[in-house]
Amino acid sequence: MDLSRRDLTRLLGTGLFLAPTGLARARAAGVAWWKDVVAYEIYPRSFQDGNGDGIGDFVGMAERVDYLADLGIGAVWIAACFDSPNADNGYDVRDYRKIMPDFGTMADFERFMARAKARGIHVILDMVFNHTSDEHEWFVHSRSSRTNPYRDYYIWRDGHDGGPPTNWKAAFGAGSAWQLDATTGQYYLHTFVSKQPDLNWENPKVRAALYDILRFWAQKGVSGFRFDAITSLAKPSVMKDFIPGQHPGQASFAEVGPGLDAYLHEMHTHVFAGTDLYTVGEAWGATHDAIIRMTDDRRGEITSAFRFDLQLKDADDWRKLPCRLEDMRAFNADNAFNDNPHVWPLVYLEDHDFPRAASRYGSARPEYGARSAKLLGMMMLSLRGTPYIYQGQEIGMTNFPFERIEQYDDVQAHNGWRNEVLSGRVPAAQYLSNLAQVSRDNARTPMQWDDTPHAGFTTARRPWFAVNPNYRQVNVRAESADPDSVLSFYRAMIRLRRAWPCLSGGQYEDISVTGSQVYAYTRREGGKAVVVILNFSDIAAPFTLPGHLRAGPCLMGNMTPPAALAGGSLALRPWESVIYQLVPS
């Protein structure tokens, strides 16, 4: 008899649901811990305020550890949390060994760590090693004179023809990648904004100092590290102007430089070899082959990488690009790495730099909003690799209804406004319409815990950033009490993923019909197999299994009752998604 999603939730909750005999336990005992968990990203400023000042902190995070454990989370990635003047919301580090005062003290962090570990949750910290803050003590010394011992910790060059050394552009619409420093009359390089001077990875003293920082946090019990802007570490050996057409758009001048693999291998050798520490890189600009080089476990570089193949914006960095199912299918097939068991991929739809997946990929029709959020969760949690849920994704949080530039916090949004609108190049309405859909500020609104003021995020009179007005309907408390909610679905889907290891580590095969709105694929491992069928559309659609496949029981569906199979065919309702067991023909 087929199980409805509600039935499955009940059985999983009572512990009566059994995995295929012995398979889940045997696999968990024989693989690295990061292959057996669902991870969760916390953006500290917006997760939970524990001291009533309007800003999220480690006191608040500690209060929510049980929520994460009950969701089924096995690892948390804490976004930038070190001492910082906040030119880029913490991604400009002033002291790598100190917690940002906004987020509390080292003691607060250690209490959070203790609670997380007690509930079996690994902690991953964000390391920003491409650059520091210009207020970091290394840079303060470096800029003091051309002969200072820290001078070569950063990248300094003389100007050229009365201007910067090269015509390179910084990210975030920040203008030239070079900043003239009046004290010494030289320019320093900054891939991002001018308050983020780039470290000189060619200097072995810099690398040694960074490795010491990693050891410091590992000794505190941290289980791994996410490396920000990792593909920008290795700068070109020859720094010269780009000619027209050589380097289109806003792509970095330092993407996947020729020395990157050597740097990553050295870091692995000095810090990670012989440990079970997990390392994951933000691999902007990396090709398929570059990802393999960085993450193949025989090479000793990093464990996995965040890829950015599915772009949201065009080269101007503000125009929304269309979302096409065929692009997602092609990427998922590529990211499965079926032909290379030594590469362990990473699966995600949201993080702190992207808008909400429910708004980007889901239905624009309110009646299908929650259903499409569940469909996206089913897809993400049934693909090979370590899945990362971003805070609020599990309750179906959506984009904020931005209307005015004054509502944005992000430096990138304001730089774009100045460069595009105030310059007269783009009408304000056109820019704002696109920005509202692509801005990373959409992911940075406070977490929606309940329907009390400020969504239960803070008791302060005003939170640091506006709360999405839909919090009265979309919040943890309401969804915890509803067995048919997005949150309940995520909890059940995470448990199903654990029970059926083929969903996390199995071989992937796309069985969709070309041009169809229905996306379907199989997952196989250890003699067990399932088929995942997703209707990415506001209209109903039929689907027929290929003749060589035979479906058994329904394991999960985002509607009750799920679509029924009749002779290998089923009629999917709008945004319906199902997982069926496959049985021998």
Protein backbone atom coordinates (compact mmCIF):
# COMPACT_ATOMS: atom_id res chain seq x y z
CA MET A 1 0.00 0.00 0.00
CA ASP A 2 1.37 3.44 -0.94
CA LEU A 3 2.26 5.83 1.90
CA SER A 4 0.99 9.38 1.82
CA ARG A 5 3.34 12.16 2.92
CA ARG A 6 1.28 12.65 6.08
CA ASP A 7 1.51 8.92 6.84
CA LEU A 8 5.26 8.97 6.28
CA THR A 9 5.67 11.97 8.59
CA ARG A 10 3.74 10.12 11.32
CA LEU A 11 5.75 6.92 10.92
CA LEU A 12 9.07 8.71 10.86
CA GLY A 13 8.10 10.72 13.91
CA THR A 14 7.28 7.56 15.89
CA GLY A 15 10.40 5.74 14.74
CA LEU A 16 8.39 2.96 13.07
CA PHE A 17 9.68 3.60 9.58
CA LEU A 18 12.57 1.28 8.71
CA ALA A 19 15.30 1.84 6.16
CA PRO A 20 16.19 -0.86 3.66
CA THR A 21 17.68 -3.60 5.84
CA GLY A 22 21.06 -2.64 7.29
CA LEU A 23 21.96 -0.32 4.43
CA ALA A 24 21.76 3.09 6.10
CA ARG A 25 23.65 2.00 9.20
CA ALA A 26 26.39 0.23 7.22
CA ARG A 27 26.93 3.20 4.96
CA ALA A 28 27.04 5.70 7.81
CA ALA A 29 29.73 3.65 9.54
CA GLY A 30 31.97 3.62 6.49
CA VAL A 31 31.91 7.18 5.16
CA ALA A 32 33.23 10.58 6.21
CA TRP A 33 30.87 12.47 8.49
CA TRP A 34 30.20 15.22 5.95
CA LYS A 35 28.77 12.67 3.52
CA ASP A 36 26.18 11.63 6.06
CA VAL A 37 24.72 14.97 7.17
CA VAL A 38 22.39 17.70 6.03
CA ALA A 39 24.07 21.06 6.64
CA TYR A 40 22.48 24.39 7.50
CA GLU A 41 23.83 27.90 7.01
CA ILE A 42 23.34 30.46 9.76
CA TYR A 43 23.70 34.14 8.93
CA PRO A 44 24.44 35.29 12.49
CA ARG A 45 23.14 38.84 12.19
CA SER A 46 19.68 37.59 11.17
CA PHE A 47 19.15 34.24 12.90
CA GLN A 48 18.20 34.97 16.53
CA ASP A 49 18.85 37.92 18.82
CA GLY A 50 19.61 36.67 22.32
CA ASN A 51 20.36 39.94 24.14
CA GLY A 52 17.67 42.27 22.78
CA ASP A 53 19.86 44.69 20.82
CA GLY A 54 18.23 43.96 17.44
CA ILE A 55 21.17 41.94 16.09
CA GLY A 56 21.47 38.16 15.99
CA ASP A 57 24.17 36.62 18.15
CA PHE A 58 25.63 33.40 19.58
CA VAL A 59 23.38 33.59 22.64
CA GLY A 60 20.41 33.41 20.29
CA MET A 61 22.02 30.67 18.21
CA ALA A 62 22.53 28.54 21.31
CA GLU A 63 18.83 28.92 22.13
CA ARG A 64 17.93 27.45 18.73
CA VAL A 65 20.23 24.41 18.70
CA ASP A 66 17.38 22.08 19.64
CA TYR A 67 15.35 23.41 16.71
CA LEU A 68 18.20 22.55 14.33
CA ALA A 69 18.67 19.11 15.83
CA ASP A 70 14.94 18.36 15.61
CA LEU A 71 14.99 19.44 11.96
CA GLY A 72 17.64 16.77 11.35
CA ILE A 73 20.65 19.04 10.84
CA GLY A 74 24.07 17.45 11.31
CA ALA A 75 26.31 20.44 10.59
CA VAL A 76 25.98 24.21 10.70
CA TRP A 77 28.01 26.67 8.67
CA ILE A 78 28.28 29.96 10.55
CA ALA A 79 28.71 32.82 8.07
CA ALA A 80 31.35 35.49 8.81
CA CYS A 81 31.42 35.97 12.58
CA PHE A 82 34.84 37.43 13.41
CA ASP A 83 35.64 40.95 14.60
CA SER A 84 34.96 43.38 11.75
CA PRO A 85 34.11 47.02 11.04
CA ASN A 86 31.34 45.65 8.78
CA ALA A 87 32.16 47.30 5.49
CA ASP A 88 30.80 44.07 3.96
CA ASN A 89 28.78 42.56 6.82
CA GLY A 90 31.69 40.74 8.42
CA TYR A 91 33.53 39.68 5.28
CA ASP A 92 36.18 42.28 6.12
CA VAL A 93 37.92 40.69 9.08
CA ARG A 94 39.79 42.81 11.60
CA ASP A 95 40.77 39.98 13.98
CA TYR A 96 40.48 36.28 13.05
CA ARG A 97 40.77 35.16 16.68
CA LYS A 98 38.02 37.34 18.10
CA ILE A 99 34.23 37.01 17.81
CA MET A 100 32.49 40.07 16.40
CA PRO A 101 31.20 42.03 19.42
CA ASP A 102 27.78 42.34 17.74
CA PHE A 103 27.54 38.55 18.01
CA GLY A 104 28.82 38.23 21.59
CA THR A 105 31.99 36.96 23.22
CA MET A 106 34.25 33.95 22.84
CA ALA A 107 32.48 32.48 25.86
CA ASP A 108 29.13 32.86 24.04
CA PHE A 109 30.60 31.09 21.02
CA GLU A 110 31.97 28.27 23.17
CA ARG A 111 28.58 27.77 24.86
CA PHE A 112 26.97 27.55 21.43
CA MET A 113 29.63 25.04 20.35
CA ALA A 114 29.06 22.91 23.44
CA ARG A 115 25.30 22.81 22.86
CA ALA A 116 25.73 21.98 19.18
CA LYS A 117 28.17 19.16 19.87
CA ALA A 118 25.89 17.78 22.58
CA ARG A 119 23.16 17.44 19.95
CA GLY A 120 25.51 15.86 17.41
CA ILE A 121 25.91 18.97 15.25
CA HIS A 122 29.26 19.80 13.65
CA VAL A 123 30.26 23.48 13.43
CA ILE A 124 31.84 24.95 10.28
CA LEU A 125 33.31 28.46 10.37
CA ASP A 126 33.64 30.94 7.52
CA MET A 127 37.25 31.86 6.71
CA VAL A 128 37.86 35.00 4.66
CA PHE A 129 41.43 34.46 3.49
CA ASN A 130 41.51 36.38 0.20
CA HIS A 131 41.58 39.69 2.05
CA THR A 132 41.34 41.33 5.45
CA SER A 133 39.84 44.57 6.68
CA ASP A 134 41.98 47.64 6.17
CA GLU A 135 41.74 47.91 9.97
CA HIS A 136 43.48 44.57 10.52
CA GLU A 137 46.77 45.04 12.38
CA TRP A 138 48.69 43.48 9.48
CA PHE A 139 47.43 46.11 7.07
CA VAL A 140 47.88 48.96 9.55
CA HIS A 141 51.55 48.00 9.70
CA SER A 142 51.74 47.28 5.98
CA ARG A 143 50.59 50.73 4.92
CA SER A 144 52.82 52.55 7.41
CA SER A 145 55.93 52.45 5.20
CA ARG A 146 57.38 50.71 2.17
CA THR A 147 59.99 49.00 4.37
CA ASN A 148 57.69 47.73 7.11
CA PRO A 149 58.05 43.95 7.71
CA TYR A 150 54.33 43.54 6.95
CA ARG A 151 54.52 45.41 3.64
CA ASP A 152 54.62 42.20 1.61
CA TYR A 153 51.59 40.76 3.42
CA TYR A 154 49.51 42.67 0.84
CA ILE A 155 49.84 43.47 -2.86
CA TRP A 156 51.34 46.90 -3.50
CA ARG A 157 52.29 48.40 -6.87
CA ASP A 158 53.35 51.74 -8.28
CA GLY A 159 50.83 53.57 -10.44
CA HIS A 160 51.00 53.75 -14.22
CA ASP A 161 50.70 56.90 -16.34
CA GLY A 162 49.27 58.86 -13.43
CA GLY A 163 46.66 56.25 -12.59
CA PRO A 164 46.26 52.73 -11.14
CA PRO A 165 48.73 49.97 -12.05
CA THR A 166 46.14 48.20 -14.27
CA ASN A 167 42.58 48.72 -15.50
CA TRP A 168 41.20 45.90 -13.35
CA LYS A 169 37.77 46.41 -11.80
CA ALA A 170 36.69 45.39 -8.32
CA ALA A 171 33.54 43.40 -7.56
CA PHE A 172 30.30 44.92 -6.21
CA GLY A 173 30.54 47.87 -8.63
CA ALA A 174 33.32 49.31 -6.45
CA GLY A 175 35.30 50.84 -9.33
CA SER A 176 39.03 50.28 -9.74
CA ALA A 177 40.56 47.27 -8.01
CA TRP A 178 43.44 49.52 -6.91
CA GLN A 179 43.37 52.08 -4.10
CA LEU A 180 46.01 54.79 -3.83
CA ASP A 181 47.41 55.07 -0.30
CA ALA A 182 48.70 58.57 0.40
CA THR A 183 51.17 57.54 3.11
CA THR A 184 53.51 55.66 0.76
CA GLY A 185 52.27 56.78 -2.65
CA GLN A 186 51.57 53.23 -3.86
CA TYR A 187 48.36 51.40 -4.74
CA TYR A 188 47.08 48.28 -2.98
CA LEU A 189 44.92 45.64 -4.66
CA HIS A 190 41.36 44.87 -3.54
CA THR A 191 39.24 42.29 -5.36
CA PHE A 192 36.20 43.63 -3.52
CA VAL A 193 35.68 47.04 -1.88
CA SER A 194 38.59 49.28 -0.93
CA LYS A 195 38.27 48.44 2.77
CA GLN A 196 39.12 44.82 1.88
CA PRO A 197 42.81 44.79 0.82
CA ASP A 198 43.93 41.50 -0.76
CA LEU A 199 46.42 39.32 1.07
CA ASN A 200 49.58 38.31 -0.80
CA TRP A 201 49.46 34.52 -0.90
CA GLU A 202 52.85 34.43 -2.60
CA ASN A 203 54.36 35.39 0.76
CA PRO A 204 54.97 32.20 2.80
CA LYS A 205 54.69 34.20 6.04
CA VAL A 206 51.10 35.09 5.12
CA ARG A 207 50.23 31.46 4.45
CA ALA A 208 51.85 30.32 7.71
CA ALA A 209 49.92 32.94 9.70
CA LEU A 210 46.64 31.83 8.12
CA TYR A 211 47.36 28.17 8.85
CA ASP A 212 47.90 29.09 12.50
CA ILE A 213 44.45 30.68 12.54
CA LEU A 214 42.91 27.44 11.26
CA ARG A 215 44.70 25.44 13.95
CA PHE A 216 43.47 27.88 16.60
CA TRP A 217 39.83 27.21 15.73
CA ALA A 218 40.34 23.49 15.16
CA GLN A 219 41.70 23.25 18.70
CA LYS A 220 38.44 24.79 19.92
CA GLY A 221 36.56 21.88 18.38
CA VAL A 222 35.44 23.34 15.06
CA SER A 223 34.79 20.53 12.55
CA GLY A 224 35.50 22.38 9.32
CA PHE A 225 35.87 25.58 7.36
CA ARG A 226 34.12 27.27 4.48
CA PHE A 227 36.59 29.43 2.54
CA ASP A 228 35.19 32.64 1.12
CA ALA A 229 36.34 33.71 -2.38
CA ILE A 230 38.77 30.80 -2.51
CA THR A 231 39.22 31.00 -6.27
CA SER A 232 40.64 34.52 -5.95
CA LEU A 233 43.65 33.62 -3.80
CA ALA A 234 46.14 33.13 -6.64
CA LYS A 235 46.69 36.40 -8.49
CA PRO A 236 48.15 36.62 -12.02
CA SER A 237 51.93 36.40 -12.03
CA VAL A 238 52.06 39.30 -14.51
CA MET A 239 49.75 42.20 -13.71
CA LYS A 240 48.82 44.09 -16.87
CA ASP A 241 45.80 45.76 -18.44
CA PHE A 242 43.01 43.71 -19.92
CA ILE A 243 42.30 44.51 -23.55
CA PRO A 244 38.70 44.90 -24.80
CA GLY A 245 36.97 41.53 -25.00
CA GLN A 246 39.67 39.73 -23.02
CA HIS A 247 37.80 39.69 -19.74
CA PRO A 248 34.06 40.35 -20.20
CA GLY A 249 31.60 41.47 -17.59
CA GLN A 250 32.31 41.75 -13.90
CA ALA A 251 34.28 38.51 -13.60
CA SER A 252 37.21 38.72 -11.25
CA PHE A 253 40.71 39.27 -12.61
CA ALA A 254 41.87 36.53 -10.24
CA GLU A 255 39.53 33.62 -10.87
CA VAL A 256 41.25 30.24 -10.47
CA GLY A 257 44.78 31.53 -10.93
CA PRO A 258 47.54 29.10 -11.93
CA GLY A 259 48.92 28.82 -8.39
CA LEU A 260 45.61 28.00 -6.70
CA ASP A 261 45.96 24.22 -6.59
CA ALA A 262 49.44 24.47 -5.10
CA TYR A 263 48.20 26.80 -2.37
CA LEU A 264 45.27 24.54 -1.51
CA HIS A 265 47.47 21.45 -1.44
CA GLU A 266 49.97 23.14 0.85
CA MET A 267 47.19 24.24 3.20
CA HIS A 268 45.83 20.70 3.26
CA THR A 269 49.28 19.27 3.98
CA HIS A 270 50.02 21.68 6.84
CA VAL A 271 46.58 21.72 8.49
CA PHE A 272 44.11 19.08 7.34
CA ALA A 273 46.05 15.94 6.40
CA GLY A 274 45.39 13.12 8.86
CA THR A 275 42.35 14.84 10.39
CA ASP A 276 38.61 14.58 9.74
CA LEU A 277 38.30 18.35 9.26
CA TYR A 278 35.98 19.32 6.43
CA THR A 279 36.87 22.05 3.93
CA VAL A 280 34.58 23.67 1.39
CA GLY A 281 35.38 26.54 -0.94
CA GLU A 282 33.33 29.29 -2.54
CA ALA A 283 34.43 28.45 -6.07
CA TRP A 284 33.29 31.45 -8.08
CA GLY A 285 34.39 31.19 -11.73
CA ALA A 286 35.55 27.58 -11.46
CA THR A 287 34.90 25.29 -14.40
CA HIS A 288 33.91 21.64 -14.14
CA ASP A 289 37.55 20.60 -14.54
CA ALA A 290 38.73 23.15 -11.96
CA ILE A 291 36.19 21.79 -9.47
CA ILE A 292 37.56 18.29 -10.04
CA ARG A 293 41.14 19.46 -9.47
CA MET A 294 40.20 21.21 -6.22
CA THR A 295 37.99 18.49 -4.75
CA ASP A 296 39.25 15.11 -5.97
CA ASP A 297 40.12 13.43 -2.67
CA ARG A 298 43.28 11.88 -4.13
CA ARG A 299 44.84 15.32 -4.67
CA GLY A 300 44.65 16.65 -1.12
CA GLU A 301 43.19 20.13 -1.64
CA ILE A 302 39.64 20.77 -0.34
CA THR A 303 36.68 18.49 0.30
CA SER A 304 33.92 20.15 -1.74
CA ALA A 305 33.04 23.43 -3.44
CA PHE A 306 30.10 25.77 -3.87
CA ARG A 307 29.54 26.17 -7.62
CA PHE A 308 27.96 29.15 -9.36
CA ASP A 309 26.97 27.75 -12.75
CA LEU A 310 23.31 28.81 -12.45
CA GLN A 311 23.60 32.57 -12.65
CA LEU A 312 20.87 34.91 -11.43
CA LYS A 313 22.22 38.12 -12.99
CA ASP A 314 23.82 39.13 -16.26
CA ALA A 315 27.27 40.68 -16.67
CA ASP A 316 25.99 44.09 -15.51
CA ASP A 317 25.35 42.46 -12.11
CA TRP A 318 21.77 43.67 -11.63
CA ARG A 319 19.58 42.45 -14.52
CA LYS A 320 17.70 39.27 -13.69
CA LEU A 321 18.37 36.32 -15.97
CA PRO A 322 15.56 33.90 -16.87
CA CYS A 323 15.27 30.71 -14.83
CA ARG A 324 15.16 27.69 -17.15
CA LEU A 325 14.46 24.13 -16.07
CA GLU A 326 16.76 22.75 -18.76
CA ASP A 327 19.66 24.70 -17.25
CA MET A 328 18.95 23.26 -13.81
CA ARG A 329 18.73 19.75 -15.19
CA ALA A 330 22.01 20.14 -17.06
CA PHE A 331 23.75 21.47 -13.97
CA ASN A 332 22.43 18.71 -11.70
CA ALA A 333 23.65 16.08 -14.14
CA ASP A 334 27.08 17.70 -14.30
CA ASN A 335 27.24 18.15 -10.52
CA ALA A 336 26.47 14.48 -9.82
CA PHE A 337 29.99 13.48 -10.91
CA ASN A 338 28.77 9.96 -11.68
CA ASP A 339 32.06 9.14 -13.39
CA ASN A 340 34.30 10.22 -10.50
CA PRO A 341 33.64 8.69 -7.07
CA HIS A 342 36.55 10.70 -5.67
CA VAL A 343 34.63 13.99 -6.06
CA TRP A 344 31.97 14.71 -3.45
CA PRO A 345 29.62 17.49 -4.60
CA LEU A 346 27.68 20.07 -2.68
CA VAL A 347 23.98 20.80 -3.25
CA TYR A 348 22.30 24.12 -2.45
CA LEU A 349 19.68 26.55 -3.71
CA GLU A 350 20.16 29.46 -1.29
CA ASP A 351 22.85 31.13 0.76
CA HIS A 352 23.46 34.59 2.20
CA ASP A 353 24.46 35.93 -1.24
CA PHE A 354 21.37 34.81 -3.19
CA PRO A 355 17.65 35.60 -3.20
CA ARG A 356 15.15 33.12 -1.86
CA ALA A 357 14.72 29.90 -3.83
CA ALA A 358 10.93 29.87 -3.36
CA SER A 359 10.78 33.23 -5.16
CA ARG A 360 13.47 32.44 -7.73
CA TYR A 361 12.47 28.90 -8.75
CA GLY A 362 9.00 28.36 -7.27
CA SER A 363 5.52 29.42 -8.32
CA ALA A 364 4.46 33.06 -8.40
CA ARG A 365 0.88 32.01 -7.69
CA PRO A 366 0.10 32.18 -3.94
CA GLU A 367 -1.92 28.98 -3.95
CA TYR A 368 1.14 27.03 -5.12
CA GLY A 369 3.78 28.82 -3.03
CA ALA A 370 4.15 26.28 -0.23
CA ARG A 371 3.77 23.35 -2.61
CA SER A 372 6.55 24.58 -4.88
CA ALA A 373 8.79 25.25 -1.84
CA LYS A 374 8.32 21.60 -0.87
CA LEU A 375 9.13 20.48 -4.41
CA LEU A 376 12.39 22.41 -4.31
CA GLY A 377 13.22 20.82 -0.96
CA MET A 378 12.55 17.36 -2.38
CA MET A 379 14.86 18.02 -5.31
CA MET A 380 17.70 19.40 -3.21
CA LEU A 381 17.49 16.63 -0.63
CA SER A 382 17.44 13.85 -3.24
CA LEU A 383 20.63 14.78 -5.12
CA ARG A 384 24.12 13.38 -4.60
CA GLY A 385 26.33 15.34 -2.24
CA THR A 386 26.09 17.31 0.98
CA PRO A 387 22.95 19.48 0.94
CA TYR A 388 23.01 22.95 2.52
CA ILE A 389 19.75 24.47 3.74
CA TYR A 390 19.89 28.22 4.26
CA GLN A 391 18.10 29.59 7.33
CA GLY A 392 14.40 30.05 6.57
CA GLN A 393 14.46 27.94 3.43
CA GLU A 394 12.93 25.10 5.44
CA ILE A 395 9.82 27.20 6.16
CA GLY A 396 9.54 28.59 2.63
CA MET A 397 10.74 32.14 3.30
CA THR A 398 10.39 34.40 0.26
CA ASN A 399 11.95 37.55 -1.13
CA PHE A 400 11.25 40.82 0.66
CA PRO A 401 8.90 43.25 -1.17
CA PHE A 402 11.58 45.89 -1.81
CA GLU A 403 10.36 49.10 -3.48
CA ARG A 404 12.95 51.81 -2.72
CA ILE A 405 16.75 51.90 -2.76
CA GLU A 406 16.68 53.22 0.83
CA GLN A 407 15.34 49.84 1.98
CA TYR A 408 18.55 48.02 1.00
CA ASP A 409 21.55 47.47 3.26
CA ASP A 410 23.93 45.80 0.79
CA VAL A 411 26.88 47.83 -0.52
CA GLN A 412 26.45 46.11 -3.88
CA ALA A 413 22.91 47.45 -4.27
CA HIS A 414 23.94 51.01 -3.46
CA ASN A 415 27.01 50.92 -5.72
CA GLY A 416 24.80 49.71 -8.56
CA TRP A 417 22.30 52.50 -7.91
CA ARG A 418 25.07 55.06 -8.12
CA ASN A 419 26.70 53.53 -11.20
CA GLU A 420 23.55 52.73 -13.17
CA VAL A 421 20.74 55.05 -12.05
CA LEU A 422 22.39 58.21 -10.77
CA SER A 423 24.64 58.17 -13.82
CA GLY A 424 21.54 58.28 -16.04
CA ARG A 425 22.25 54.97 -17.81
CA VAL A 426 19.27 53.02 -16.45
CA PRO A 427 15.78 54.17 -15.40
CA ALA A 428 15.23 53.86 -11.65
CA ALA A 429 12.09 51.74 -12.06
CA GLN A 430 13.90 49.22 -14.28
CA TYR A 431 16.84 48.92 -11.89
CA LEU A 432 14.64 48.56 -8.80
CA SER A 433 12.40 45.97 -10.44
CA ASN A 434 15.38 43.76 -11.24
CA LEU A 435 17.20 44.42 -7.98
CA ALA A 436 14.21 43.32 -5.92
CA GLN A 437 14.47 39.89 -7.54
CA VAL A 438 18.24 39.36 -7.45
CA SER A 439 19.53 41.24 -4.41
CA ARG A 440 21.30 39.24 -1.73
CA ASP A 441 19.48 41.37 0.85
CA ASN A 442 16.50 39.08 0.22
CA ALA A 443 18.33 36.36 2.17
CA ARG A 444 19.37 38.65 5.01
CA THR A 445 16.00 39.59 6.49
CA PRO A 446 15.53 38.18 10.02
CA MET A 447 14.51 34.58 10.54
CA GLN A 448 10.75 34.20 11.02
CA TRP A 449 10.17 32.28 14.24
CA ASP A 450 6.59 33.19 15.15
CA ASP A 451 3.85 35.80 14.64
CA THR A 452 4.88 38.09 17.52
CA PRO A 453 6.46 41.49 16.74
CA HIS A 454 9.57 41.22 14.56
CA ALA A 455 8.74 37.54 13.97
CA GLY A 456 10.21 36.54 17.33
CA PHE A 457 13.69 37.42 16.09
CA THR A 458 14.27 40.16 18.66
CA THR A 459 12.66 41.94 21.59
CA ALA A 460 14.33 45.20 20.55
CA ARG A 461 12.26 48.12 19.38
CA ARG A 462 13.80 47.82 15.92
CA PRO A 463 15.75 44.93 14.36
CA TRP A 464 18.90 45.66 12.38
CA PHE A 465 17.03 44.89 9.14
CA ALA A 466 13.37 44.81 8.16
CA VAL A 467 11.32 41.65 8.73
CA ASN A 468 9.40 40.26 5.76
CA PRO A 469 5.73 41.27 6.27
CA ASN A 470 4.56 37.73 5.49
CA TYR A 471 5.99 36.48 8.81
CA ARG A 472 2.52 36.16 10.32
CA GLN A 473 1.79 33.33 7.91
CA VAL A 474 5.30 31.99 7.25
CA ASN A 475 6.96 31.19 10.57
CA VAL A 476 8.38 28.26 12.53
CA ARG A 477 5.73 28.17 15.26
CA ALA A 478 2.80 27.99 12.85
CA GLU A 479 4.47 25.42 10.63
CA SER A 480 5.59 23.23 13.54
CA ALA A 481 1.93 22.74 14.45
CA ASP A 482 0.90 21.95 10.87
CA PRO A 483 1.74 18.43 9.59
CA ASP A 484 1.19 19.66 6.03
CA SER A 485 3.58 22.64 6.25
CA VAL A 486 6.84 23.25 4.43
CA LEU A 487 8.74 22.73 7.69
CA SER A 488 7.06 19.39 8.38
CA PHE A 489 7.87 18.33 4.84
CA TYR A 490 11.57 19.22 5.25
CA ARG A 491 11.76 17.25 8.49
CA ALA A 492 10.23 14.19 6.84
CA MET A 493 12.37 14.53 3.72
CA ILE A 494 15.59 14.72 5.76
CA ARG A 495 14.59 11.54 7.58
CA LEU A 496 13.78 9.82 4.30
CA ARG A 497 17.21 10.81 2.95
CA ARG A 498 18.84 9.16 5.95
CA ALA A 499 16.73 6.04 5.56
CA TRP A 500 17.50 5.68 1.85
CA PRO A 501 21.25 6.25 1.26
CA CYS A 502 20.76 6.06 -2.50
CA LEU A 503 19.26 9.56 -2.20
CA SER A 504 22.54 11.01 -0.99
CA GLY A 505 25.28 8.88 -2.53
CA GLY A 506 23.69 6.95 -5.37
CA GLN A 507 24.16 7.17 -9.11
CA TYR A 508 22.05 9.83 -10.84
CA GLU A 509 20.24 9.41 -14.16
CA ASP A 510 17.94 12.00 -15.74
CA ILE A 511 14.92 10.29 -17.33
CA SER A 512 13.01 13.46 -18.23
CA VAL A 513 11.42 13.95 -21.62
CA THR A 514 13.15 16.76 -23.51
CA GLY A 515 11.15 19.97 -23.38
CA SER A 516 8.82 18.74 -20.67
CA GLN A 517 7.92 20.68 -17.53
CA VAL A 518 8.35 17.42 -15.60
CA TYR A 519 11.83 16.76 -14.25
CA ALA A 520 12.45 13.11 -13.34
CA TYR A 521 15.55 11.17 -12.34
CA THR A 522 16.60 7.94 -10.68
CA ARG A 523 18.99 7.38 -7.78
CA ARG A 524 20.65 3.98 -7.31
CA GLU A 525 23.02 2.52 -4.74
CA GLY A 526 23.62 -0.90 -3.17
CA GLY A 527 20.82 -2.63 -5.03
CA LYS A 528 18.25 -0.05 -3.94
CA ALA A 529 16.74 2.55 -6.26
CA VAL A 530 14.14 5.31 -6.33
CA VAL A 531 12.66 7.63 -8.93
CA VAL A 532 12.07 11.32 -8.19
CA ILE A 533 9.38 13.08 -10.28
CA LEU A 534 8.86 16.87 -10.11
CA ASN A 535 6.32 19.00 -11.97
CA PHE A 536 7.92 22.45 -12.33
CA SER A 537 4.75 24.16 -13.53
CA ASP A 538 1.51 25.90 -12.61
CA ILE A 539 -0.40 23.42 -14.76
CA ALA A 540 -1.03 19.69 -14.49
CA ALA A 541 1.18 17.31 -16.43
CA PRO A 542 1.33 13.58 -17.21
CA PHE A 543 4.45 11.47 -16.82
CA THR A 544 5.18 7.90 -17.88
CA LEU A 545 8.09 5.87 -16.59
CA PRO A 546 10.44 4.48 -19.25
CA GLY A 547 9.50 0.94 -20.11
CA HIS A 548 12.46 -0.66 -18.33
CA LEU A 549 11.49 0.83 -14.97
CA ARG A 550 8.87 -0.45 -12.55
CA ALA A 551 7.72 1.57 -9.57
CA GLY A 552 6.83 0.15 -6.19
CA PRO A 553 5.55 2.00 -3.10
CA CYS A 554 5.40 5.77 -2.91
CA LEU A 555 7.98 6.92 -0.34
CA MET A 556 7.19 10.64 -0.31
CA GLY A 557 4.94 13.22 -1.90
CA ASN A 558 4.26 16.90 -1.35
CA MET A 559 0.51 16.40 -1.72
CA THR A 560 -1.98 14.15 0.09
CA PRO A 561 -2.76 11.73 -1.40
CA PRO A 562 0.20 11.57 -3.79
CA ALA A 563 -0.24 11.04 -7.50
CA ALA A 564 -1.14 7.41 -8.15
CA LEU A 565 0.69 5.25 -10.64
CA ALA A 566 -1.44 3.42 -13.15
CA GLY A 567 0.40 1.20 -15.61
CA GLY A 568 3.62 3.16 -15.14
CA SER A 569 1.90 6.53 -15.72
CA LEU A 570 0.76 9.23 -13.35
CA ALA A 571 -1.04 12.55 -13.60
CA LEU A 572 0.84 15.23 -11.68
CA ARG A 573 -0.97 18.24 -10.31
CA PRO A 574 0.68 21.70 -10.48
CA TRP A 575 4.01 21.67 -8.60
CA GLU A 576 3.44 18.12 -7.40
CA SER A 577 6.50 16.05 -6.52
CA VAL A 578 6.79 12.36 -5.60
CA ILE A 579 9.41 9.73 -4.85
CA TYR A 580 8.65 6.11 -5.68
CA GLN A 581 10.74 3.07 -4.90
CA LEU A 582 11.92 1.22 -7.98
CA VAL A 583 11.57 -2.55 -7.95
CA PRO A 584 13.01 -5.21 -10.27
CA SER A 585 11.03 -5.62 -13.49
